Amino acid sequence: MNLKDLPYALVPMQLSDVPTVYSIERRVFTTPWSMQAFRQELLFHDTAIYLVLRYLGGRDAKGRPLLKKPWGTRKDRNLLGYGGVWMVLDEAHISTLAVRPSWRGRGLGELLFAALIEQALAKDADKITLEVRVSNRLAQALYAKYGLERTGLRKRYYPDNQEDALIMSAESIQSMTYRERYQARVEALLQKLRLTEASNSPEMGQASGRIDSL
């Protein structure tokens, strides 16, 4: 994904990122993954891909200076969000997605989501799946924007409140039709982000969180 002219970078998650990722995880989710869970994913889940979104500008959403170094602490404010996708044969299952609450509403959750789809395409996946809370209409609208449709239901899937989960999927993502749709969405998103940066007035848009609460 070409992030030229944008103060963001999408890079593979490192073990040194886990403390910051966990700090965001605890703020975003009612049933957060543990630090050990993230470490296990990075060390032993060979078919999983995890990305982090870094801010390359000089200040955060509250105007505080951001240090480009050192990274890898709970106070690493350059790390704005993260996402993961599991590759299972020809299927890509998006497992997690979160953005710092103070950076929501800028399209960064969508940027991470689009980057995970890009990873799936690069790995020759033919299908994308995920679970989302039935009450989370905002997230469902975003996923539908990228071609995912409701394909099933998992009863009492979420342990915090026993809420059901919708299964959403997109098939034949290697087709020219899907790739053209995806590319159009990405180009529109990048243009929006560039306009936002140019005006320095972030638009309120998609809220961000794990795929079950995005």
N, C-alpha and C. Protein backbone atom coordinates (compact mmCIF):
# COMPACT_ATOMS: atom_id res chain seq x y z
N MET A 1 0.85 -1.19 0.00
CA MET A 1 0.00 0.00 0.00
C MET A 1 0.88 1.24 0.00
N ASN A 2 0.60 2.18 -0.89
CA ASN A 2 1.43 3.36 -1.05
C ASN A 2 0.96 4.45 -0.09
N LEU A 3 1.73 4.67 0.99
CA LEU A 3 1.39 5.70 1.97
C LEU A 3 2.21 6.97 1.77
N LYS A 4 2.66 7.18 0.54
CA LYS A 4 3.42 8.38 0.22
C LYS A 4 2.60 9.62 0.57
N ASP A 5 3.27 10.62 1.13
CA ASP A 5 2.66 11.89 1.54
C ASP A 5 1.78 11.74 2.77
N LEU A 6 1.82 10.60 3.42
CA LEU A 6 1.09 10.40 4.67
C LEU A 6 2.07 10.11 5.81
N PRO A 7 1.79 10.60 7.00
CA PRO A 7 2.72 10.40 8.12
C PRO A 7 2.50 9.08 8.85
N TYR A 8 2.25 8.01 8.09
CA TYR A 8 1.98 6.71 8.69
C TYR A 8 2.84 5.63 8.03
N ALA A 9 3.09 4.58 8.79
CA ALA A 9 3.79 3.41 8.25
C ALA A 9 3.11 2.16 8.78
N LEU A 10 2.93 1.18 7.91
CA LEU A 10 2.41 -0.13 8.28
C LEU A 10 3.56 -1.11 8.21
N VAL A 11 3.91 -1.70 9.35
CA VAL A 11 5.08 -2.57 9.41
C VAL A 11 4.74 -3.83 10.22
N PRO A 12 5.50 -4.92 10.03
CA PRO A 12 5.25 -6.13 10.82
C PRO A 12 5.41 -5.88 12.31
N MET A 13 4.52 -6.46 13.10
CA MET A 13 4.62 -6.36 14.55
C MET A 13 5.85 -7.12 15.03
N GLN A 14 6.57 -6.51 15.98
CA GLN A 14 7.74 -7.13 16.59
C GLN A 14 7.45 -7.46 18.05
N LEU A 15 8.25 -8.34 18.63
CA LEU A 15 8.08 -8.65 20.05
C LEU A 15 8.20 -7.41 20.92
N SER A 16 9.04 -6.48 20.50
CA SER A 16 9.21 -5.24 21.27
C SER A 16 7.97 -4.36 21.24
N ASP A 17 7.05 -4.63 20.31
CA ASP A 17 5.81 -3.86 20.23
C ASP A 17 4.74 -4.36 21.21
N VAL A 18 4.93 -5.57 21.73
CA VAL A 18 3.87 -6.22 22.50
C VAL A 18 3.43 -5.41 23.73
N PRO A 19 4.33 -4.80 24.52
CA PRO A 19 3.85 -4.01 25.66
C PRO A 19 2.89 -2.90 25.26
N THR A 20 3.21 -2.18 24.17
CA THR A 20 2.32 -1.11 23.73
C THR A 20 1.02 -1.68 23.17
N VAL A 21 1.12 -2.74 22.40
CA VAL A 21 -0.07 -3.39 21.84
C VAL A 21 -0.99 -3.83 22.98
N TYR A 22 -0.42 -4.43 24.00
CA TYR A 22 -1.22 -4.89 25.13
C TYR A 22 -1.87 -3.72 25.87
N SER A 23 -1.15 -2.63 25.97
CA SER A 23 -1.70 -1.44 26.62
C SER A 23 -2.95 -0.94 25.88
N ILE A 24 -2.87 -0.93 24.54
CA ILE A 24 -4.03 -0.53 23.73
C ILE A 24 -5.14 -1.57 23.85
N GLU A 25 -4.73 -2.84 23.81
CA GLU A 25 -5.69 -3.95 23.90
C GLU A 25 -6.55 -3.83 25.15
N ARG A 26 -5.95 -3.53 26.27
CA ARG A 26 -6.69 -3.43 27.53
C ARG A 26 -7.66 -2.26 27.53
N ARG A 27 -7.33 -1.21 26.81
CA ARG A 27 -8.22 -0.05 26.76
C ARG A 27 -9.39 -0.26 25.81
N VAL A 28 -9.20 -1.09 24.81
CA VAL A 28 -10.20 -1.24 23.76
C VAL A 28 -11.20 -2.36 24.03
N PHE A 29 -10.73 -3.48 24.60
CA PHE A 29 -11.56 -4.68 24.66
C PHE A 29 -11.96 -5.07 26.08
N THR A 30 -13.17 -5.58 26.19
CA THR A 30 -13.64 -6.06 27.49
C THR A 30 -13.05 -7.41 27.85
N THR A 31 -12.63 -8.17 26.85
CA THR A 31 -11.96 -9.45 27.08
C THR A 31 -10.63 -9.44 26.33
N PRO A 32 -9.64 -8.69 26.83
CA PRO A 32 -8.39 -8.51 26.09
C PRO A 32 -7.54 -9.76 26.04
N TRP A 33 -6.76 -9.87 24.96
CA TRP A 33 -5.72 -10.89 24.89
C TRP A 33 -4.63 -10.52 25.89
N SER A 34 -3.91 -11.50 26.37
CA SER A 34 -2.78 -11.26 27.27
C SER A 34 -1.52 -10.95 26.46
N MET A 35 -0.51 -10.41 27.14
CA MET A 35 0.77 -10.19 26.47
C MET A 35 1.34 -11.52 25.99
N GLN A 36 1.16 -12.56 26.82
CA GLN A 36 1.68 -13.86 26.43
C GLN A 36 1.00 -14.37 25.17
N ALA A 37 -0.29 -14.09 25.01
CA ALA A 37 -1.00 -14.52 23.81
C ALA A 37 -0.40 -13.88 22.57
N PHE A 38 -0.09 -12.59 22.65
CA PHE A 38 0.51 -11.92 21.51
C PHE A 38 1.91 -12.48 21.22
N ARG A 39 2.67 -12.73 22.27
CA ARG A 39 4.01 -13.28 22.07
C ARG A 39 3.93 -14.66 21.43
N GLN A 40 2.98 -15.46 21.89
CA GLN A 40 2.80 -16.80 21.31
C GLN A 40 2.44 -16.70 19.83
N GLU A 41 1.58 -15.75 19.48
CA GLU A 41 1.20 -15.58 18.09
C GLU A 41 2.41 -15.23 17.23
N LEU A 42 3.24 -14.32 17.73
CA LEU A 42 4.41 -13.89 16.95
C LEU A 42 5.47 -14.97 16.85
N LEU A 43 5.63 -15.74 17.91
CA LEU A 43 6.71 -16.73 17.94
C LEU A 43 6.34 -18.05 17.29
N PHE A 44 5.09 -18.47 17.44
CA PHE A 44 4.75 -19.84 17.08
C PHE A 44 3.64 -20.00 16.05
N HIS A 45 2.93 -18.95 15.73
CA HIS A 45 1.85 -19.06 14.75
C HIS A 45 2.41 -18.66 13.38
N ASP A 46 2.97 -19.62 12.69
CA ASP A 46 3.70 -19.35 11.45
C ASP A 46 2.82 -18.80 10.34
N THR A 47 1.54 -19.12 10.35
CA THR A 47 0.67 -18.67 9.27
C THR A 47 -0.10 -17.39 9.63
N ALA A 48 0.25 -16.78 10.75
CA ALA A 48 -0.39 -15.53 11.15
C ALA A 48 0.47 -14.34 10.73
N ILE A 49 -0.20 -13.25 10.38
CA ILE A 49 0.48 -12.01 10.01
C ILE A 49 -0.07 -10.90 10.91
N TYR A 50 0.83 -10.18 11.58
CA TYR A 50 0.43 -9.06 12.44
C TYR A 50 1.14 -7.79 11.98
N LEU A 51 0.38 -6.73 11.88
CA LEU A 51 0.91 -5.43 11.47
C LEU A 51 0.66 -4.41 12.58
N VAL A 52 1.53 -3.42 12.65
CA VAL A 52 1.28 -2.26 13.51
C VAL A 52 1.28 -1.02 12.62
N LEU A 53 0.49 -0.05 13.04
CA LEU A 53 0.41 1.23 12.35
C LEU A 53 1.16 2.26 13.19
N ARG A 54 2.17 2.86 12.58
CA ARG A 54 2.97 3.86 13.28
C ARG A 54 2.75 5.25 12.70
N TYR A 55 2.75 6.21 13.60
CA TYR A 55 2.67 7.62 13.21
C TYR A 55 4.07 8.17 13.08
N LEU A 56 4.36 8.80 11.95
CA LEU A 56 5.70 9.31 11.69
C LEU A 56 5.80 10.81 11.86
N GLY A 57 4.70 11.44 12.29
CA GLY A 57 4.70 12.88 12.49
C GLY A 57 5.34 13.26 13.81
N GLY A 58 5.23 14.51 14.15
CA GLY A 58 5.92 15.01 15.32
C GLY A 58 5.12 15.02 16.60
N ARG A 59 3.75 15.02 16.50
CA ARG A 59 2.94 15.13 17.71
C ARG A 59 1.74 14.19 17.62
N ASP A 60 1.21 13.83 18.79
CA ASP A 60 0.06 12.93 18.81
C ASP A 60 -1.23 13.73 18.77
N ALA A 61 -2.37 13.04 18.96
CA ALA A 61 -3.68 13.68 18.83
C ALA A 61 -3.90 14.78 19.85
N LYS A 62 -3.17 14.74 20.98
CA LYS A 62 -3.32 15.77 22.02
C LYS A 62 -2.21 16.81 21.96
N GLY A 63 -1.42 16.78 20.88
CA GLY A 63 -0.37 17.76 20.70
C GLY A 63 0.91 17.46 21.45
N ARG A 64 1.03 16.25 22.04
CA ARG A 64 2.24 15.89 22.77
C ARG A 64 3.32 15.43 21.80
N PRO A 65 4.57 15.79 22.05
CA PRO A 65 5.65 15.35 21.17
C PRO A 65 5.73 13.83 21.12
N LEU A 66 6.02 13.31 19.94
CA LEU A 66 6.20 11.88 19.75
C LEU A 66 7.66 11.60 19.45
N LEU A 67 8.24 10.68 20.17
CA LEU A 67 9.63 10.30 19.94
C LEU A 67 9.69 9.12 19.01
N LYS A 68 10.47 9.22 17.96
CA LYS A 68 10.60 8.09 17.03
C LYS A 68 11.42 6.96 17.65
N LYS A 69 12.25 7.26 18.65
CA LYS A 69 13.03 6.26 19.36
C LYS A 69 13.09 6.68 20.83
N PRO A 70 13.16 5.77 21.77
CA PRO A 70 13.11 4.31 21.57
C PRO A 70 11.69 3.81 21.46
N TRP A 71 11.50 2.65 20.82
CA TRP A 71 10.21 2.00 20.73
C TRP A 71 10.19 0.78 21.66
N GLY A 72 9.03 0.20 21.82
CA GLY A 72 8.93 -1.04 22.57
C GLY A 72 8.60 -0.87 24.04
N THR A 73 7.92 0.21 24.43
CA THR A 73 7.48 0.39 25.80
C THR A 73 5.98 0.67 25.78
N ARG A 74 5.36 0.65 26.96
CA ARG A 74 3.94 0.94 27.07
C ARG A 74 3.64 2.38 26.67
N LYS A 75 4.64 3.24 26.71
CA LYS A 75 4.45 4.65 26.39
C LYS A 75 4.88 4.98 24.97
N ASP A 76 4.94 3.97 24.12
CA ASP A 76 5.31 4.18 22.72
C ASP A 76 4.11 4.78 21.99
N ARG A 77 4.01 6.10 22.03
CA ARG A 77 2.82 6.77 21.48
C ARG A 77 2.83 6.81 19.96
N ASN A 78 3.96 6.44 19.33
CA ASN A 78 3.98 6.36 17.87
C ASN A 78 3.14 5.21 17.34
N LEU A 79 2.97 4.17 18.15
CA LEU A 79 2.21 3.00 17.72
C LEU A 79 0.72 3.30 17.95
N LEU A 80 0.00 3.45 16.85
CA LEU A 80 -1.40 3.88 16.91
C LEU A 80 -2.39 2.73 16.86
N GLY A 81 -2.01 1.61 16.28
CA GLY A 81 -2.95 0.50 16.16
C GLY A 81 -2.28 -0.74 15.63
N TYR A 82 -3.04 -1.81 15.55
CA TYR A 82 -2.50 -3.08 15.10
C TYR A 82 -3.62 -3.97 14.58
N GLY A 83 -3.23 -4.98 13.83
CA GLY A 83 -4.21 -5.92 13.31
C GLY A 83 -3.54 -7.22 12.96
N GLY A 84 -4.33 -8.29 12.91
CA GLY A 84 -3.79 -9.60 12.59
C GLY A 84 -4.71 -10.40 11.69
N VAL A 85 -4.10 -11.28 10.92
CA VAL A 85 -4.86 -12.16 10.03
C VAL A 85 -4.22 -13.55 10.07
N TRP A 86 -5.06 -14.57 10.17
CA TRP A 86 -4.61 -15.95 10.16
C TRP A 86 -4.84 -16.53 8.78
N MET A 87 -3.82 -17.16 8.21
CA MET A 87 -3.94 -17.80 6.92
C MET A 87 -4.17 -19.29 7.12
N VAL A 88 -5.32 -19.80 6.67
CA VAL A 88 -5.66 -21.21 6.78
C VAL A 88 -6.02 -21.72 5.39
N LEU A 89 -5.06 -22.43 4.78
CA LEU A 89 -5.21 -22.88 3.39
C LEU A 89 -5.50 -21.68 2.50
N ASP A 90 -6.66 -21.64 1.85
CA ASP A 90 -6.96 -20.51 0.95
C ASP A 90 -7.86 -19.48 1.61
N GLU A 91 -7.96 -19.54 2.95
CA GLU A 91 -8.83 -18.61 3.68
C GLU A 91 -8.01 -17.71 4.59
N ALA A 92 -8.37 -16.43 4.62
CA ALA A 92 -7.75 -15.48 5.52
C ALA A 92 -8.78 -15.08 6.57
N HIS A 93 -8.45 -15.34 7.84
CA HIS A 93 -9.37 -15.00 8.93
C HIS A 93 -8.79 -13.83 9.70
N ILE A 94 -9.48 -12.70 9.67
CA ILE A 94 -9.01 -11.52 10.38
C ILE A 94 -9.32 -11.70 11.86
N SER A 95 -8.27 -11.73 12.66
CA SER A 95 -8.39 -12.13 14.06
C SER A 95 -8.52 -10.98 15.03
N THR A 96 -7.88 -9.86 14.74
CA THR A 96 -7.91 -8.74 15.67
C THR A 96 -7.60 -7.45 14.94
N LEU A 97 -8.10 -6.35 15.50
CA LEU A 97 -7.88 -5.02 14.91
C LEU A 97 -8.22 -3.98 15.96
N ALA A 98 -7.30 -3.06 16.21
CA ALA A 98 -7.55 -2.03 17.21
C ALA A 98 -6.77 -0.77 16.89
N VAL A 99 -7.35 0.37 17.28
CA VAL A 99 -6.70 1.67 17.14
C VAL A 99 -6.85 2.40 18.48
N ARG A 100 -5.83 3.15 18.85
CA ARG A 100 -5.91 3.95 20.09
C ARG A 100 -7.20 4.76 20.09
N PRO A 101 -7.93 4.78 21.20
CA PRO A 101 -9.18 5.55 21.25
C PRO A 101 -9.02 7.01 20.86
N SER A 102 -7.90 7.64 21.24
CA SER A 102 -7.71 9.06 20.94
C SER A 102 -7.46 9.32 19.45
N TRP A 103 -7.21 8.25 18.66
CA TRP A 103 -6.96 8.41 17.24
C TRP A 103 -8.10 7.86 16.39
N ARG A 104 -9.21 7.55 17.00
CA ARG A 104 -10.34 7.05 16.23
C ARG A 104 -10.97 8.16 15.40
N GLY A 105 -11.77 7.74 14.44
CA GLY A 105 -12.50 8.71 13.64
C GLY A 105 -11.68 9.33 12.52
N ARG A 106 -10.51 8.79 12.22
CA ARG A 106 -9.66 9.36 11.17
C ARG A 106 -9.48 8.42 9.99
N GLY A 107 -10.15 7.27 10.02
CA GLY A 107 -10.00 6.31 8.94
C GLY A 107 -8.84 5.35 9.15
N LEU A 108 -8.22 5.37 10.34
CA LEU A 108 -7.05 4.52 10.57
C LEU A 108 -7.44 3.06 10.78
N GLY A 109 -8.60 2.82 11.37
CA GLY A 109 -9.08 1.45 11.47
C GLY A 109 -9.32 0.86 10.10
N GLU A 110 -9.89 1.67 9.21
CA GLU A 110 -10.10 1.21 7.83
C GLU A 110 -8.78 0.98 7.13
N LEU A 111 -7.79 1.82 7.41
CA LEU A 111 -6.47 1.65 6.81
C LEU A 111 -5.86 0.31 7.22
N LEU A 112 -5.96 -0.02 8.49
CA LEU A 112 -5.45 -1.30 8.97
C LEU A 112 -6.22 -2.46 8.35
N PHE A 113 -7.53 -2.32 8.28
CA PHE A 113 -8.36 -3.38 7.70
C PHE A 113 -7.99 -3.62 6.24
N ALA A 114 -7.83 -2.53 5.49
CA ALA A 114 -7.44 -2.66 4.08
C ALA A 114 -6.06 -3.29 3.95
N ALA A 115 -5.16 -2.97 4.87
CA ALA A 115 -3.81 -3.56 4.83
C ALA A 115 -3.85 -5.06 5.09
N LEU A 116 -4.74 -5.50 5.96
CA LEU A 116 -4.88 -6.93 6.22
C LEU A 116 -5.43 -7.65 4.99
N ILE A 117 -6.37 -7.03 4.30
CA ILE A 117 -6.88 -7.61 3.06
C ILE A 117 -5.75 -7.69 2.02
N GLU A 118 -4.93 -6.66 1.98
CA GLU A 118 -3.79 -6.67 1.05
C GLU A 118 -2.87 -7.85 1.34
N GLN A 119 -2.65 -8.14 2.62
CA GLN A 119 -1.83 -9.29 2.99
C GLN A 119 -2.48 -10.59 2.51
N ALA A 120 -3.79 -10.68 2.67
CA ALA A 120 -4.52 -11.88 2.22
C ALA A 120 -4.38 -12.06 0.72
N LEU A 121 -4.50 -10.98 -0.02
CA LEU A 121 -4.36 -11.05 -1.47
C LEU A 121 -2.96 -11.49 -1.86
N ALA A 122 -1.97 -10.97 -1.16
CA ALA A 122 -0.58 -11.31 -1.47
C ALA A 122 -0.27 -12.78 -1.18
N LYS A 123 -0.99 -13.35 -0.21
CA LYS A 123 -0.78 -14.75 0.15
C LYS A 123 -1.68 -15.69 -0.65
N ASP A 124 -2.35 -15.16 -1.67
CA ASP A 124 -3.20 -15.96 -2.57
C ASP A 124 -4.43 -16.54 -1.89
N ALA A 125 -4.89 -15.91 -0.81
CA ALA A 125 -6.14 -16.33 -0.20
C ALA A 125 -7.29 -16.06 -1.17
N ASP A 126 -8.27 -16.92 -1.15
CA ASP A 126 -9.43 -16.74 -2.02
C ASP A 126 -10.66 -16.29 -1.24
N LYS A 127 -10.53 -16.28 0.12
CA LYS A 127 -11.69 -15.95 0.95
C LYS A 127 -11.21 -15.21 2.20
N ILE A 128 -12.02 -14.24 2.64
CA ILE A 128 -11.77 -13.51 3.89
C ILE A 128 -12.95 -13.75 4.81
N THR A 129 -12.67 -14.04 6.09
CA THR A 129 -13.74 -14.20 7.07
C THR A 129 -13.38 -13.45 8.35
N LEU A 130 -14.41 -13.18 9.15
CA LEU A 130 -14.23 -12.59 10.47
C LEU A 130 -15.53 -12.74 11.25
N GLU A 131 -15.45 -12.49 12.56
CA GLU A 131 -16.64 -12.42 13.39
C GLU A 131 -16.81 -10.99 13.89
N VAL A 132 -18.06 -10.58 14.06
CA VAL A 132 -18.36 -9.23 14.54
C VAL A 132 -19.62 -9.29 15.39
N ARG A 133 -19.67 -8.50 16.42
CA ARG A 133 -20.86 -8.47 17.28
C ARG A 133 -22.10 -8.08 16.48
N VAL A 134 -23.21 -8.72 16.79
CA VAL A 134 -24.44 -8.41 16.06
C VAL A 134 -24.88 -6.97 16.28
N SER A 135 -24.49 -6.38 17.41
CA SER A 135 -24.88 -5.00 17.71
C SER A 135 -23.98 -3.96 17.06
N ASN A 136 -22.87 -4.39 16.49
CA ASN A 136 -21.89 -3.44 15.97
C ASN A 136 -22.17 -3.12 14.50
N ARG A 137 -23.14 -2.28 14.29
CA ARG A 137 -23.54 -1.93 12.93
C ARG A 137 -22.47 -1.12 12.20
N LEU A 138 -21.73 -0.30 12.94
CA LEU A 138 -20.69 0.52 12.32
C LEU A 138 -19.62 -0.35 11.68
N ALA A 139 -19.17 -1.36 12.44
CA ALA A 139 -18.16 -2.27 11.90
C ALA A 139 -18.71 -3.06 10.72
N GLN A 140 -19.94 -3.53 10.84
CA GLN A 140 -20.54 -4.30 9.75
C GLN A 140 -20.61 -3.48 8.47
N ALA A 141 -20.89 -2.20 8.60
CA ALA A 141 -20.96 -1.33 7.42
C ALA A 141 -19.58 -1.20 6.76
N LEU A 142 -18.53 -1.10 7.58
CA LEU A 142 -17.18 -1.01 7.02
C LEU A 142 -16.82 -2.29 6.28
N TYR A 143 -17.10 -3.44 6.89
CA TYR A 143 -16.75 -4.70 6.26
C TYR A 143 -17.53 -4.90 4.95
N ALA A 144 -18.79 -4.49 4.97
CA ALA A 144 -19.60 -4.60 3.75
C ALA A 144 -19.03 -3.72 2.65
N LYS A 145 -18.47 -2.60 3.03
CA LYS A 145 -17.84 -1.69 2.07
C LYS A 145 -16.73 -2.38 1.29
N TYR A 146 -16.08 -3.35 1.93
CA TYR A 146 -15.00 -4.10 1.29
C TYR A 146 -15.47 -5.48 0.82
N GLY A 147 -16.77 -5.60 0.63
CA GLY A 147 -17.30 -6.79 -0.02
C GLY A 147 -17.66 -7.96 0.87
N LEU A 148 -17.56 -7.80 2.19
CA LEU A 148 -17.91 -8.90 3.08
C LEU A 148 -19.42 -8.92 3.30
N GLU A 149 -19.98 -10.12 3.31
CA GLU A 149 -21.42 -10.30 3.51
C GLU A 149 -21.66 -11.21 4.71
N ARG A 150 -22.86 -11.14 5.27
CA ARG A 150 -23.22 -12.01 6.39
C ARG A 150 -23.41 -13.44 5.87
N THR A 151 -22.66 -14.35 6.48
CA THR A 151 -22.72 -15.74 6.01
C THR A 151 -23.03 -16.74 7.12
N GLY A 152 -23.17 -16.28 8.35
CA GLY A 152 -23.47 -17.21 9.44
C GLY A 152 -23.61 -16.49 10.76
N LEU A 153 -23.88 -17.27 11.80
CA LEU A 153 -24.08 -16.72 13.15
C LEU A 153 -23.47 -17.68 14.17
N ARG A 154 -22.71 -17.12 15.11
CA ARG A 154 -22.19 -17.91 16.23
C ARG A 154 -22.92 -17.46 17.49
N LYS A 155 -23.74 -18.34 18.04
CA LYS A 155 -24.54 -18.01 19.21
C LYS A 155 -23.66 -17.85 20.45
N ARG A 156 -23.95 -16.79 21.22
CA ARG A 156 -23.28 -16.52 22.50
C ARG A 156 -21.75 -16.60 22.36
N TYR A 157 -21.24 -15.98 21.33
CA TYR A 157 -19.82 -16.08 20.99
C TYR A 157 -18.93 -15.28 21.94
N TYR A 158 -19.42 -14.13 22.41
CA TYR A 158 -18.58 -13.24 23.21
C TYR A 158 -18.79 -13.51 24.70
N PRO A 159 -17.72 -13.86 25.43
CA PRO A 159 -17.86 -14.31 26.82
C PRO A 159 -18.27 -13.22 27.80
N ASP A 160 -18.02 -11.93 27.46
CA ASP A 160 -18.32 -10.88 28.42
C ASP A 160 -19.82 -10.69 28.64
N ASN A 161 -20.61 -10.84 27.57
CA ASN A 161 -22.06 -10.63 27.69
C ASN A 161 -22.89 -11.67 26.93
N GLN A 162 -22.21 -12.72 26.44
CA GLN A 162 -22.89 -13.80 25.72
C GLN A 162 -23.56 -13.32 24.42
N GLU A 163 -23.05 -12.23 23.86
CA GLU A 163 -23.63 -11.69 22.61
C GLU A 163 -23.29 -12.61 21.43
N ASP A 164 -24.22 -12.68 20.50
CA ASP A 164 -23.98 -13.45 19.28
C ASP A 164 -22.98 -12.73 18.37
N ALA A 165 -22.33 -13.51 17.52
CA ALA A 165 -21.42 -12.95 16.52
C ALA A 165 -21.92 -13.28 15.13
N LEU A 166 -21.90 -12.29 14.28
CA LEU A 166 -22.14 -12.53 12.86
C LEU A 166 -20.84 -13.00 12.22
N ILE A 167 -20.93 -13.97 11.34
CA ILE A 167 -19.80 -14.33 10.49
C ILE A 167 -19.97 -13.56 9.20
N MET A 168 -18.93 -12.82 8.81
CA MET A 168 -18.97 -12.08 7.55
C MET A 168 -17.81 -12.57 6.68
N SER A 169 -18.08 -12.72 5.40
CA SER A 169 -17.09 -13.29 4.49
C SER A 169 -17.14 -12.62 3.13
N ALA A 170 -16.03 -12.69 2.44
CA ALA A 170 -15.95 -12.30 1.03
C ALA A 170 -15.22 -13.42 0.31
N GLU A 171 -15.79 -13.90 -0.77
CA GLU A 171 -15.19 -15.01 -1.53
C GLU A 171 -14.67 -14.50 -2.87
N SER A 172 -13.85 -15.33 -3.49
CA SER A 172 -13.27 -15.02 -4.81
C SER A 172 -12.56 -13.67 -4.81
N ILE A 173 -11.75 -13.43 -3.76
CA ILE A 173 -11.11 -12.13 -3.66
C ILE A 173 -9.95 -11.97 -4.65
N GLN A 174 -9.54 -13.07 -5.28
CA GLN A 174 -8.51 -12.96 -6.30
C GLN A 174 -9.08 -12.57 -7.66
N SER A 175 -10.39 -12.51 -7.76
CA SER A 175 -11.02 -12.16 -9.04
C SER A 175 -10.76 -10.71 -9.39
N MET A 176 -10.79 -10.42 -10.67
CA MET A 176 -10.58 -9.04 -11.13
C MET A 176 -11.65 -8.12 -10.57
N THR A 177 -12.88 -8.62 -10.48
CA THR A 177 -13.98 -7.81 -9.97
C THR A 177 -13.70 -7.36 -8.54
N TYR A 178 -13.28 -8.31 -7.70
CA TYR A 178 -13.02 -7.93 -6.31
C TYR A 178 -11.80 -7.02 -6.21
N ARG A 179 -10.74 -7.37 -6.94
CA ARG A 179 -9.53 -6.55 -6.85
C ARG A 179 -9.79 -5.11 -7.29
N GLU A 180 -10.60 -4.91 -8.31
CA GLU A 180 -10.91 -3.55 -8.76
C GLU A 180 -11.73 -2.81 -7.70
N ARG A 181 -12.66 -3.52 -7.09
CA ARG A 181 -13.46 -2.90 -6.01
C ARG A 181 -12.57 -2.52 -4.84
N TYR A 182 -11.70 -3.43 -4.47
CA TYR A 182 -10.79 -3.18 -3.36
C TYR A 182 -9.89 -1.98 -3.65
N GLN A 183 -9.31 -1.95 -4.83
CA GLN A 183 -8.40 -0.87 -5.18
C GLN A 183 -9.10 0.47 -5.18
N ALA A 184 -10.34 0.52 -5.64
CA ALA A 184 -11.10 1.76 -5.64
C ALA A 184 -11.34 2.24 -4.21
N ARG A 185 -11.66 1.32 -3.31
CA ARG A 185 -11.88 1.69 -1.91
C ARG A 185 -10.60 2.22 -1.29
N VAL A 186 -9.48 1.57 -1.56
CA VAL A 186 -8.21 1.99 -1.00
C VAL A 186 -7.81 3.37 -1.52
N GLU A 187 -7.98 3.60 -2.80
CA GLU A 187 -7.62 4.90 -3.36
C GLU A 187 -8.46 6.01 -2.75
N ALA A 188 -9.76 5.73 -2.54
CA ALA A 188 -10.63 6.73 -1.92
C ALA A 188 -10.21 7.00 -0.48
N LEU A 189 -9.83 5.95 0.24
CA LEU A 189 -9.39 6.10 1.62
C LEU A 189 -8.10 6.92 1.69
N LEU A 190 -7.13 6.60 0.86
CA LEU A 190 -5.86 7.32 0.88
C LEU A 190 -6.05 8.79 0.53
N GLN A 191 -6.95 9.05 -0.42
CA GLN A 191 -7.24 10.44 -0.77
C GLN A 191 -7.85 11.18 0.41
N LYS A 192 -8.76 10.52 1.12
CA LYS A 192 -9.37 11.12 2.31
C LYS A 192 -8.32 11.41 3.37
N LEU A 193 -7.41 10.46 3.59
CA LEU A 193 -6.38 10.67 4.59
C LEU A 193 -5.45 11.82 4.20
N ARG A 194 -5.13 11.93 2.93
CA ARG A 194 -4.27 13.03 2.48
C ARG A 194 -4.96 14.38 2.66
N LEU A 195 -6.24 14.43 2.34
CA LEU A 195 -6.99 15.68 2.53
C LEU A 195 -7.08 16.04 4.00
N THR A 196 -7.25 15.05 4.84
CA THR A 196 -7.32 15.27 6.27
C THR A 196 -6.00 15.83 6.79
N GLU A 197 -4.91 15.23 6.35
CA GLU A 197 -3.60 15.72 6.78
C GLU A 197 -3.35 17.14 6.28
N ALA A 198 -3.76 17.40 5.04
CA ALA A 198 -3.53 18.73 4.46
C ALA A 198 -4.30 19.80 5.22
N SER A 199 -5.52 19.46 5.64
CA SER A 199 -6.35 20.44 6.33
C SER A 199 -6.11 20.47 7.83
N ASN A 200 -5.43 19.39 8.32
CA ASN A 200 -5.19 19.25 9.76
C ASN A 200 -6.47 19.32 10.56
N SER A 201 -7.55 18.80 9.95
CA SER A 201 -8.85 18.79 10.61
C SER A 201 -9.47 17.42 10.40
N PRO A 202 -9.14 16.43 11.23
CA PRO A 202 -9.60 15.06 11.03
C PRO A 202 -11.11 14.96 10.95
N GLU A 203 -11.59 14.20 9.99
CA GLU A 203 -13.01 13.96 9.86
C GLU A 203 -13.43 12.85 10.80
N MET A 204 -14.61 12.92 11.33
CA MET A 204 -15.13 11.84 12.15
C MET A 204 -15.66 10.76 11.24
N GLY A 205 -15.12 9.55 11.38
CA GLY A 205 -15.53 8.46 10.51
C GLY A 205 -15.68 7.18 11.27
N GLN A 206 -15.05 6.11 10.78
CA GLN A 206 -15.20 4.81 11.40
C GLN A 206 -14.50 4.77 12.75
N ALA A 207 -15.21 4.30 13.76
CA ALA A 207 -14.55 4.02 15.03
C ALA A 207 -13.73 2.77 14.87
N SER A 208 -12.75 2.58 15.75
CA SER A 208 -11.84 1.45 15.56
C SER A 208 -11.77 0.58 16.80
N GLY A 209 -11.53 -0.68 16.56
CA GLY A 209 -11.38 -1.63 17.65
C GLY A 209 -11.11 -2.98 17.06
N ARG A 210 -11.08 -4.04 17.88
CA ARG A 210 -10.91 -5.38 17.32
C ARG A 210 -12.03 -5.61 16.34
N ILE A 211 -11.87 -6.60 15.50
CA ILE A 211 -12.88 -6.87 14.51
C ILE A 211 -14.24 -7.12 15.14
N ASP A 212 -14.30 -7.46 16.43
CA ASP A 212 -15.59 -7.64 17.05
C ASP A 212 -16.15 -6.35 17.63
N SER A 213 -15.36 -5.26 17.62
CA SER A 213 -15.88 -4.02 18.17
C SER A 213 -15.46 -2.79 17.35
N LEU A 214 -15.03 -3.01 16.13
CA LEU A 214 -14.60 -1.92 15.27
C LEU A 214 -15.77 -0.98 14.99
